[in-house]
Amino acid sequence: MVLTNPKTAAVRGERGAVLILSVLLMTSLLGVTAFVVDLGNARQTARNVQGAADAAALAGSQDLPLAALDPAMALTARNTARTYAASSLDDNAVGPACASQGDTCTFTVGAATVTATTPYALNDSTVPSYNLVRVEICEANPALFSKVWSADPITVCRESVARRIQAAPGTEIGMMAMNPTTCTVQFNGNTEVVIQGGALLSNSTSNPAICMAGGGCANFTLTAELVAAGGTITDCVDAQNVGSVVEGADSFPDPFAALPDTVCDPLAATACNGATPSVPTAVGVCGLAMSPGYFGSGCSSPNGNNTVNMAPGVYWFNGSFNPRNNNVRCPTCSAAAGGVLMYFYNGSLSHTGNGTVQLLPYQAGQTAGSTYAGLSIYQRRSNGTVMSLGGTAGSGMGSIYALGARITMTGTSDRVIDGIVVAGSYEFQGNSTTTVNTSPTGPTTEPELDIGLEL
């Protein structure tokens, strides 16, 4: 007869129960772990999807119209959002182009579905629908471990809405300095510069880009709505009557970039071939009574305190024009009869005497058409001859263009320019006052934009 210890039998029975409980507990722990891992993957997917939606919406917003609904710009915005969303989700993805019909573009990138919509009306937002673009991305996050328990994939959806609105209008341009590598605006002496309701702009990235002669603050006066440069601006400007001073600005485009570099006017030239024009055959008269035409070696007026009377038309100079001490007028100029355009293929205006210049600028109805309307002086872009604007008082002209040259403002004159001045650089000297009356219909700086996430 074999005797069994009751305590030993109980322990053996408990060992079996513990094993079963351990298996059940491990199974449960593995299940919970699987769900936690998959939930973590879903959260990471959500972060990635949100980042892609934000990037796509912000990119698309930069192509949105500002003032009114523009279907073409809206389509461009949807396509830009599509491109950014696709590349954010998959480096090699492009995504199909959005159709021109409708306000919504939907496509797939792998397991993600992307929807770009503009115009888009956002509840509780005061931003117009055409200033908003919405991007929604939904991506199915597969059940990697929890699928053992037949769990369904977790679909993650995220949306982003971006805006593009005009925070402030552009500023009317008064004077632009286009040389990118030097101090382009230099003040010297008791000069005064007044840009009525407009901007003084410099494309120079030099430090400084707008400076004082000799490095010190002179007794100058500057009035402008905006002074901006790619480089730094002398501290003297901060104490002036200036609305805003901006350093490190982006470059400003040439407002006259579309103009042909050679003026073709039958009164001055019978043929023009771009940069190498044929020599004009209409020869102008140089003296106290001047007629339009070609001045092969420039023109110097006789000495004396007289008046040079110019007839309306184009004066095509292959050398400098020096009025000396004479006043320069156009007594027959009018809106109907036209104004005067001085075109300098070579040379420039050298007005350093005691006279004044009062000329109506070129008009839209003249033979060169409206292309050069509003201009008084056009200097060929590669012509670097220094332009001198002197005189004593009361001078007035239209817009002046000398892209590759320096313009010096000298003397004791109170000169007035009705339009815009574009030059490589400027130097203001003496006791002169230069007033630029900007035009409400003239070129402006880019408007100040507000681009950001609305949702």
Protein backbone atom coordinates (compact mmCIF):
# COMPACT_ATOMS: atom_id res chain seq x y z
CA MET A 1 0.00 0.00 0.00
CA VAL A 2 1.46 3.38 -1.07
CA LEU A 3 0.78 6.30 1.13
CA THR A 4 0.37 9.81 -0.42
CA ASN A 5 1.24 12.98 1.40
CA PRO A 6 -1.82 15.28 1.19
CA LYS A 7 0.35 18.43 1.16
CA THR A 8 2.40 17.22 -1.83
CA ALA A 9 -0.71 16.48 -3.83
CA ALA A 10 -2.08 19.96 -3.19
CA VAL A 11 1.11 21.59 -4.43
CA ARG A 12 1.07 19.54 -7.61
CA GLY A 13 -2.52 20.63 -8.30
CA GLU A 14 -1.66 24.28 -7.75
CA ARG A 15 1.25 24.03 -10.18
CA GLY A 16 -1.17 23.21 -12.98
CA ALA A 17 -3.48 26.07 -12.09
CA VAL A 18 -0.59 28.59 -12.01
CA LEU A 19 0.55 27.44 -15.43
CA ILE A 20 -2.90 28.01 -16.89
CA LEU A 21 -3.20 31.42 -15.23
CA SER A 22 0.27 32.41 -16.48
CA VAL A 23 -0.62 31.50 -20.05
CA LEU A 24 -3.86 33.46 -19.87
CA LEU A 25 -2.09 36.50 -18.34
CA MET A 26 0.70 36.47 -20.94
CA THR A 27 -1.88 36.25 -23.69
CA SER A 28 -3.71 39.26 -22.30
CA LEU A 29 -0.47 41.22 -21.87
CA LEU A 30 0.53 40.45 -25.45
CA GLY A 31 -2.87 41.63 -26.65
CA VAL A 32 -2.66 44.88 -24.71
CA THR A 33 0.92 45.41 -25.92
CA ALA A 34 -0.15 44.83 -29.52
CA PHE A 35 -2.92 47.41 -29.24
CA VAL A 36 -0.55 49.89 -27.55
CA VAL A 37 2.06 49.44 -30.29
CA ASP A 38 -0.54 49.90 -33.03
CA LEU A 39 -2.00 52.92 -31.23
CA GLY A 40 1.49 54.43 -31.04
CA ASN A 41 1.93 53.84 -34.76
CA ALA A 42 -1.40 55.54 -35.39
CA ARG A 43 -0.35 58.55 -33.35
CA GLN A 44 2.90 58.81 -35.27
CA THR A 45 0.93 58.54 -38.50
CA ALA A 46 -1.33 61.34 -37.25
CA ARG A 47 1.67 63.57 -36.61
CA ASN A 48 3.09 62.86 -40.06
CA VAL A 49 -0.26 63.43 -41.73
CA GLN A 50 -0.81 66.71 -39.84
CA GLY A 51 2.62 67.95 -40.83
CA ALA A 52 1.99 67.09 -44.47
CA ALA A 53 -1.41 68.81 -44.40
CA ASP A 54 0.06 71.97 -42.81
CA ALA A 55 2.90 72.14 -45.33
CA ALA A 56 0.57 71.55 -48.28
CA ALA A 57 -1.95 74.17 -47.12
CA LEU A 58 0.73 76.81 -46.49
CA ALA A 59 2.32 76.12 -49.87
CA GLY A 60 -1.00 76.32 -51.67
CA SER A 61 -1.99 79.54 -49.88
CA GLN A 62 0.88 81.43 -51.49
CA ASP A 63 -0.84 81.07 -54.86
CA LEU A 64 -4.25 82.24 -53.67
CA PRO A 65 -5.76 85.42 -55.12
CA LEU A 66 -5.92 88.48 -52.87
CA ALA A 67 -8.64 90.83 -54.02
CA ALA A 68 -11.30 88.61 -55.57
CA LEU A 69 -12.13 85.11 -56.72
CA ASP A 70 -9.80 84.00 -59.50
CA PRO A 71 -10.49 80.46 -60.79
CA ALA A 72 -7.10 80.19 -62.49
CA MET A 73 -5.22 81.11 -59.30
CA ALA A 74 -7.43 78.83 -57.25
CA LEU A 75 -6.55 75.92 -59.57
CA THR A 76 -2.86 76.78 -59.22
CA ALA A 77 -3.23 76.81 -55.43
CA ARG A 78 -4.88 73.37 -55.44
CA ASN A 79 -2.13 71.97 -57.65
CA THR A 80 0.58 73.46 -55.43
CA ALA A 81 -1.07 71.93 -52.36
CA ARG A 82 -1.30 68.61 -54.23
CA THR A 83 2.41 68.65 -55.07
CA TYR A 84 3.51 69.45 -51.51
CA ALA A 85 1.16 66.91 -49.97
CA ALA A 86 2.36 64.17 -52.31
CA SER A 87 6.06 64.89 -51.77
CA SER A 88 5.55 65.11 -47.98
CA LEU A 89 3.93 61.69 -47.89
CA ASP A 90 6.24 60.03 -50.40
CA ASP A 91 9.46 61.52 -51.76
CA ASN A 92 8.85 59.93 -55.16
CA ALA A 93 5.15 60.77 -55.42
CA VAL A 94 3.79 63.50 -57.65
CA GLY A 95 0.05 63.01 -57.64
CA PRO A 96 -2.27 63.61 -60.60
CA ALA A 97 -2.97 67.16 -61.69
CA CYS A 98 -6.14 68.73 -60.32
CA ALA A 99 -9.00 69.16 -62.77
CA SER A 100 -10.00 72.69 -63.70
CA GLN A 101 -13.64 72.04 -62.81
CA GLY A 102 -14.89 72.34 -59.25
CA ASP A 103 -13.27 73.59 -56.09
CA THR A 104 -11.97 70.25 -54.79
CA CYS A 105 -9.11 68.03 -55.88
CA THR A 106 -8.88 64.48 -54.49
CA PHE A 107 -6.18 61.89 -55.15
CA THR A 108 -4.35 59.05 -53.42
CA VAL A 109 -0.72 58.64 -52.40
CA GLY A 110 -0.09 55.10 -51.24
CA ALA A 111 -2.47 54.43 -48.35
CA ALA A 112 -3.37 58.14 -48.01
CA THR A 113 -6.23 60.07 -49.60
CA VAL A 114 -5.59 63.79 -50.07
CA THR A 115 -8.26 66.42 -50.64
CA ALA A 116 -7.37 70.03 -51.50
CA THR A 117 -10.17 72.60 -51.56
CA THR A 118 -10.24 76.28 -52.48
CA PRO A 119 -12.26 78.46 -52.33
CA TYR A 120 -13.18 77.18 -48.87
CA ALA A 121 -15.65 78.72 -46.42
CA LEU A 122 -14.46 78.22 -42.85
CA ASN A 123 -17.02 78.62 -40.08
CA ASP A 124 -16.33 81.46 -37.60
CA SER A 125 -13.64 82.94 -39.89
CA THR A 126 -13.84 86.44 -41.34
CA VAL A 127 -11.41 85.55 -44.12
CA PRO A 128 -13.12 85.32 -47.55
CA SER A 129 -13.35 81.84 -49.01
CA TYR A 130 -11.06 82.70 -51.95
CA ASN A 131 -8.31 83.58 -49.43
CA LEU A 132 -8.44 80.11 -47.85
CA VAL A 133 -7.25 76.68 -48.91
CA ARG A 134 -8.05 73.48 -47.02
CA VAL A 135 -6.08 70.25 -47.18
CA GLU A 136 -7.35 67.03 -45.61
CA ILE A 137 -5.29 63.84 -45.52
CA CYS A 138 -6.69 60.48 -44.41
CA GLU A 139 -4.34 57.51 -44.09
CA ALA A 140 -5.19 53.97 -43.05
CA ASN A 141 -2.81 52.80 -40.36
CA PRO A 142 -2.63 48.96 -40.62
CA ALA A 143 -3.03 46.76 -37.53
CA LEU A 144 0.44 45.26 -37.32
CA PHE A 145 0.07 43.16 -34.15
CA SER A 146 -3.53 43.56 -33.08
CA LYS A 147 -4.73 42.02 -36.36
CA VAL A 148 -4.13 38.69 -34.65
CA TRP A 149 -7.29 39.54 -32.77
CA SER A 150 -9.02 40.59 -36.02
CA ALA A 151 -8.72 44.31 -35.22
CA ASP A 152 -9.62 46.71 -38.05
CA PRO A 153 -7.02 49.20 -39.37
CA ILE A 154 -7.08 52.63 -37.71
CA THR A 155 -7.85 55.40 -40.23
CA VAL A 156 -6.23 58.71 -39.28
CA CYS A 157 -7.63 61.95 -40.74
CA ARG A 158 -6.15 65.41 -40.25
CA GLU A 159 -6.97 68.76 -41.87
CA SER A 160 -5.33 72.15 -42.18
CA VAL A 161 -6.62 75.49 -43.49
CA ALA A 162 -4.22 78.25 -44.54
CA ARG A 163 -4.90 81.88 -45.47
CA ARG A 164 -3.35 84.51 -47.73
CA ILE A 165 -4.63 88.01 -47.16
CA GLN A 166 -3.32 91.51 -47.71
CA ALA A 167 -2.31 93.03 -44.38
CA ALA A 168 -1.27 96.37 -45.90
CA PRO A 169 -1.17 97.77 -49.44
CA GLY A 170 2.04 98.36 -51.35
CA THR A 171 3.85 101.68 -51.11
CA GLU A 172 4.14 103.90 -54.19
CA ILE A 173 7.71 103.90 -55.47
CA GLY A 174 9.51 107.23 -55.67
CA MET A 175 13.20 106.42 -56.11
CA MET A 176 14.96 103.11 -56.70
CA ALA A 177 18.69 102.35 -56.56
CA MET A 178 19.49 99.15 -58.45
CA ASN A 179 23.25 98.62 -57.95
CA PRO A 180 23.53 95.50 -55.73
CA THR A 181 27.03 95.93 -54.30
CA THR A 182 27.71 99.49 -53.11
CA CYS A 183 26.34 102.33 -51.03
CA THR A 184 23.69 103.32 -53.52
CA VAL A 185 22.20 106.40 -51.82
CA GLN A 186 24.62 108.92 -50.36
CA PHE A 187 23.64 112.13 -48.59
CA ASN A 188 26.11 114.99 -48.41
CA GLY A 189 25.61 118.54 -47.19
CA ASN A 190 22.34 120.34 -46.46
CA THR A 191 20.36 118.52 -49.08
CA GLU A 192 16.68 117.73 -48.71
CA VAL A 193 14.85 114.81 -50.32
CA VAL A 194 11.07 114.60 -50.22
CA ILE A 195 9.26 111.58 -51.65
CA GLN A 196 5.63 112.46 -51.41
CA GLY A 197 3.73 109.45 -50.08
CA GLY A 198 6.27 107.03 -51.52
CA ALA A 199 9.33 104.87 -50.98
CA LEU A 200 13.10 105.15 -51.34
CA LEU A 201 14.38 101.66 -52.21
CA SER A 202 17.85 100.18 -52.61
CA ASN A 203 18.70 96.74 -53.99
CA SER A 204 22.19 96.89 -52.53
CA THR A 205 23.21 94.29 -49.96
CA SER A 206 26.17 96.44 -48.94
CA ASN A 207 26.62 97.50 -45.33
CA PRO A 208 25.62 100.24 -45.50
CA ALA A 209 23.45 100.40 -48.62
CA ILE A 210 22.22 103.92 -47.76
CA CYS A 211 24.91 106.07 -46.18
CA MET A 212 26.30 109.49 -45.33
CA ALA A 213 29.28 111.09 -47.03
CA GLY A 214 32.36 110.56 -44.88
CA GLY A 215 30.45 108.22 -42.60
CA GLY A 216 28.92 110.97 -40.45
CA CYS A 217 25.43 112.44 -40.22
CA ALA A 218 25.13 115.56 -42.33
CA ASN A 219 22.44 118.21 -42.11
CA PHE A 220 20.17 116.48 -44.56
CA THR A 221 16.40 116.05 -44.45
CA LEU A 222 14.56 113.00 -45.75
CA THR A 223 10.80 112.53 -45.98
CA ALA A 224 9.33 109.22 -47.19
CA GLU A 225 6.73 106.62 -46.31
CA LEU A 226 9.27 103.80 -46.58
CA VAL A 227 13.04 103.46 -46.80
CA ALA A 228 14.19 99.90 -47.53
CA ALA A 229 17.43 98.23 -48.59
CA GLY A 230 18.93 94.79 -48.98
CA GLY A 231 21.81 95.82 -46.69
CA THR A 232 21.97 98.14 -43.71
CA ILE A 233 20.84 101.78 -43.57
CA THR A 234 22.68 104.56 -41.77
CA ASP A 235 21.21 105.36 -38.36
CA CYS A 236 20.76 108.96 -39.50
CA VAL A 237 17.70 107.89 -41.47
CA ASP A 238 15.91 106.74 -38.30
CA ALA A 239 15.76 110.34 -37.08
CA GLN A 240 14.13 111.57 -40.29
CA ASN A 241 10.51 111.93 -41.27
CA VAL A 242 10.27 108.32 -42.43
CA GLY A 243 7.31 106.01 -41.84
CA SER A 244 9.22 102.68 -41.90
CA VAL A 245 12.87 101.67 -42.21
CA VAL A 246 13.51 98.11 -43.43
CA GLU A 247 16.93 96.47 -43.65
CA GLY A 248 17.66 93.09 -45.23
CA ALA A 249 14.80 93.49 -47.71
CA ASP A 250 14.37 91.25 -50.74
CA SER A 251 15.43 92.74 -54.06
CA PHE A 252 12.96 95.00 -55.81
CA PRO A 253 12.13 94.40 -59.49
CA ASP A 254 12.86 97.00 -62.13
CA PRO A 255 9.51 98.69 -62.88
CA PHE A 256 10.71 99.54 -66.41
CA ALA A 257 12.17 96.11 -67.19
CA ALA A 258 9.66 95.51 -69.99
CA LEU A 259 10.62 98.66 -71.91
CA PRO A 260 12.67 98.16 -75.10
CA ASP A 261 16.20 99.39 -74.53
CA THR A 262 16.20 101.38 -77.77
CA VAL A 263 13.62 104.03 -78.52
CA CYS A 264 12.31 103.86 -82.06
CA ASP A 265 10.56 107.06 -83.10
CA PRO A 266 10.33 108.13 -86.77
CA LEU A 267 11.15 111.69 -85.75
CA ALA A 268 14.47 110.56 -84.33
CA ALA A 269 15.36 107.22 -85.90
CA THR A 270 14.22 105.52 -89.07
CA ALA A 271 15.42 102.05 -88.02
CA CYS A 272 16.29 100.29 -84.76
CA ASN A 273 17.77 96.84 -84.28
CA GLY A 274 17.78 96.27 -80.55
CA ALA A 275 21.15 96.82 -78.94
CA THR A 276 22.80 97.83 -82.24
CA PRO A 277 20.41 100.31 -83.83
CA SER A 278 21.00 101.69 -87.24
CA VAL A 279 22.21 105.27 -87.13
CA PRO A 280 19.12 107.50 -87.20
CA THR A 281 18.89 109.71 -90.24
CA ALA A 282 16.73 112.50 -88.84
CA VAL A 283 19.36 114.93 -87.53
CA GLY A 284 18.22 117.25 -84.76
CA VAL A 285 19.13 120.88 -84.33
CA CYS A 286 21.39 121.74 -81.37
CA GLY A 287 21.18 125.29 -80.11
CA LEU A 288 18.70 127.57 -78.41
CA ALA A 289 15.89 126.25 -80.59
CA MET A 290 16.07 122.46 -80.66
CA SER A 291 14.15 119.97 -82.76
CA PRO A 292 13.86 116.20 -82.24
CA GLY A 293 16.25 113.89 -84.04
CA TYR A 294 19.65 112.28 -83.83
CA PHE A 295 22.60 113.99 -82.10
CA GLY A 296 25.61 111.91 -83.09
CA SER A 297 28.10 113.61 -80.77
CA GLY A 298 25.73 114.95 -78.16
CA CYS A 299 24.76 118.59 -77.82
CA SER A 300 26.12 121.58 -75.88
CA SER A 301 24.04 124.73 -75.82
CA PRO A 302 25.70 128.14 -76.26
CA ASN A 303 26.95 129.81 -73.09
CA GLY A 304 24.73 132.43 -71.53
CA ASN A 305 21.68 132.82 -69.37
CA ASN A 306 19.24 132.16 -72.16
CA THR A 307 16.47 129.63 -72.78
CA VAL A 308 16.73 126.46 -74.82
CA ASN A 309 13.34 125.77 -76.38
CA MET A 310 12.78 122.13 -77.28
CA ALA A 311 9.96 120.97 -79.54
CA PRO A 312 7.94 117.85 -78.60
CA GLY A 313 9.46 114.51 -79.63
CA VAL A 314 12.38 112.15 -79.06
CA TYR A 315 15.94 113.48 -78.80
CA TRP A 316 18.23 110.57 -79.62
CA PHE A 317 21.69 111.35 -78.12
CA ASN A 318 24.88 109.45 -78.90
CA GLY A 319 26.71 111.74 -76.48
CA SER A 320 25.91 114.01 -73.55
CA PHE A 321 23.53 116.94 -73.56
CA ASN A 322 24.79 120.00 -71.67
CA PRO A 323 22.37 122.94 -71.46
CA ARG A 324 25.06 124.98 -69.65
CA ASN A 325 23.55 127.97 -67.82
CA ASN A 326 20.45 128.07 -69.94
CA ASN A 327 16.91 127.29 -68.93
CA VAL A 328 15.36 124.35 -70.79
CA ARG A 329 11.72 124.64 -71.79
CA CYS A 330 9.17 123.19 -74.18
CA PRO A 331 6.72 126.02 -74.88
CA THR A 332 4.70 123.99 -77.39
CA CYS A 333 4.40 120.85 -75.26
CA SER A 334 0.91 119.82 -74.17
CA ALA A 335 -1.13 116.69 -73.58
CA ALA A 336 -2.34 116.98 -77.17
CA ALA A 337 0.93 118.04 -78.84
CA GLY A 338 3.08 115.73 -76.74
CA GLY A 339 6.14 116.09 -74.54
CA VAL A 340 9.91 115.51 -74.68
CA LEU A 341 11.85 112.28 -74.24
CA MET A 342 15.66 112.48 -74.05
CA TYR A 343 17.10 109.10 -75.00
CA PHE A 344 20.82 108.56 -74.28
CA TYR A 345 22.36 105.70 -76.21
CA ASN A 346 25.70 107.06 -74.98
CA GLY A 347 26.37 110.06 -72.77
CA SER A 348 23.87 111.57 -70.37
CA LEU A 349 22.27 114.80 -69.22
CA SER A 350 24.86 117.14 -67.73
CA HIS A 351 22.87 119.95 -66.22
CA THR A 352 25.34 121.67 -63.88
CA GLY A 353 24.73 125.35 -64.61
CA ASN A 354 22.36 127.90 -63.20
CA GLY A 355 19.42 127.17 -65.46
CA THR A 356 16.29 125.13 -64.78
CA VAL A 357 14.60 122.30 -66.66
CA GLN A 358 10.85 122.32 -67.15
CA LEU A 359 9.67 119.75 -69.65
CA LEU A 360 6.42 117.90 -70.09
CA PRO A 361 7.26 114.17 -70.24
CA TYR A 362 6.56 112.00 -73.24
CA GLN A 363 2.86 111.43 -73.86
CA ALA A 364 0.90 108.35 -74.84
CA GLY A 365 -0.26 109.77 -78.15
CA GLN A 366 3.20 110.44 -79.56
CA THR A 367 4.87 108.39 -82.28
CA ALA A 368 6.68 105.99 -79.94
CA GLY A 369 3.29 105.17 -78.47
CA SER A 370 2.39 104.74 -74.83
CA THR A 371 5.48 102.57 -74.18
CA TYR A 372 7.53 105.50 -72.88
CA ALA A 373 4.65 107.66 -71.69
CA GLY A 374 5.50 109.63 -68.55
CA LEU A 375 9.29 109.42 -69.11
CA SER A 376 11.49 112.47 -69.57
CA ILE A 377 14.85 110.68 -69.67
CA TYR A 378 15.68 107.13 -70.71
CA GLN A 379 19.35 106.14 -70.54
CA ARG A 380 20.33 102.85 -72.17
CA ARG A 381 20.73 100.13 -69.52
CA SER A 382 24.40 99.46 -70.24
CA ASN A 383 25.19 103.19 -70.45
CA GLY A 384 27.01 104.02 -67.21
CA THR A 385 27.63 107.72 -67.84
CA VAL A 386 26.99 109.77 -64.70
CA MET A 387 23.88 111.97 -64.93
CA SER A 388 24.08 115.41 -63.29
CA LEU A 389 20.91 117.22 -62.33
CA GLY A 390 21.79 120.73 -61.15
CA GLY A 391 20.22 124.09 -61.77
CA THR A 392 18.89 126.72 -59.42
CA ALA A 393 15.13 126.56 -58.92
CA GLY A 394 11.80 125.40 -60.23
CA SER A 395 12.95 122.46 -62.31
CA GLY A 396 10.42 119.78 -63.13
CA MET A 397 10.41 116.57 -65.16
CA GLY A 398 8.65 113.26 -65.56
CA SER A 399 10.14 109.85 -64.75
CA ILE A 400 13.89 109.30 -65.15
CA TYR A 401 15.49 105.96 -65.99
CA ALA A 402 19.25 105.35 -65.79
CA LEU A 403 19.55 101.76 -64.62
CA GLY A 404 23.33 101.43 -64.94
CA ALA A 405 24.39 104.94 -63.96
CA ARG A 406 24.78 107.20 -60.96
CA ILE A 407 22.62 110.30 -60.71
CA THR A 408 24.05 113.25 -58.80
CA MET A 409 21.65 115.89 -57.46
CA THR A 410 23.66 119.09 -57.04
CA GLY A 411 23.39 122.85 -56.78
CA THR A 412 20.80 124.96 -54.97
CA SER A 413 17.78 123.94 -57.00
CA ASP A 414 14.30 123.03 -55.83
CA ARG A 415 13.78 120.39 -58.47
CA VAL A 416 10.50 118.55 -58.86
CA ILE A 417 10.08 115.15 -60.52
CA ASP A 418 6.59 113.93 -61.29
CA GLY A 419 6.89 110.16 -61.51
CA ILE A 420 9.59 107.68 -60.53
CA VAL A 421 13.39 107.75 -60.66
CA VAL A 422 15.37 104.55 -61.30
CA ALA A 423 19.17 104.64 -61.26
CA GLY A 424 22.14 102.52 -60.33
CA SER A 425 22.93 104.86 -57.42
CA TYR A 426 22.40 108.42 -56.17
CA GLU A 427 24.47 111.16 -54.61
CA PHE A 428 22.80 114.22 -53.11
CA GLN A 429 25.02 117.27 -52.71
CA GLY A 430 24.85 120.94 -51.82
CA ASN A 431 21.76 122.82 -50.67
CA SER A 432 19.39 121.31 -53.19
CA THR A 433 15.86 120.09 -52.56
CA THR A 434 14.58 117.15 -54.59
CA THR A 435 10.86 116.45 -54.52
CA VAL A 436 9.45 113.32 -56.13
CA ASN A 437 5.70 113.31 -56.59
CA THR A 438 4.71 109.67 -56.87
CA SER A 439 1.75 108.68 -58.99
CA PRO A 440 -1.26 106.79 -57.55
CA THR A 441 -1.31 104.79 -60.78
CA GLY A 442 2.45 104.20 -60.80
CA PRO A 443 4.42 101.16 -59.63
CA THR A 444 4.26 100.12 -55.99
CA THR A 445 6.13 97.77 -53.71
CA GLU A 446 4.64 94.37 -53.05
CA PRO A 447 1.74 94.52 -50.57
CA GLU A 448 2.35 93.27 -47.06
CA LEU A 449 0.85 89.79 -46.88
CA ASP A 450 -0.41 87.67 -44.03
CA ILE A 451 0.22 84.00 -44.83
CA GLY A 452 -0.42 81.47 -42.08
CA LEU A 453 -2.58 78.69 -40.71
CA GLU A 454 -6.20 79.56 -40.04
CA LEU A 455 -6.99 76.09 -38.68
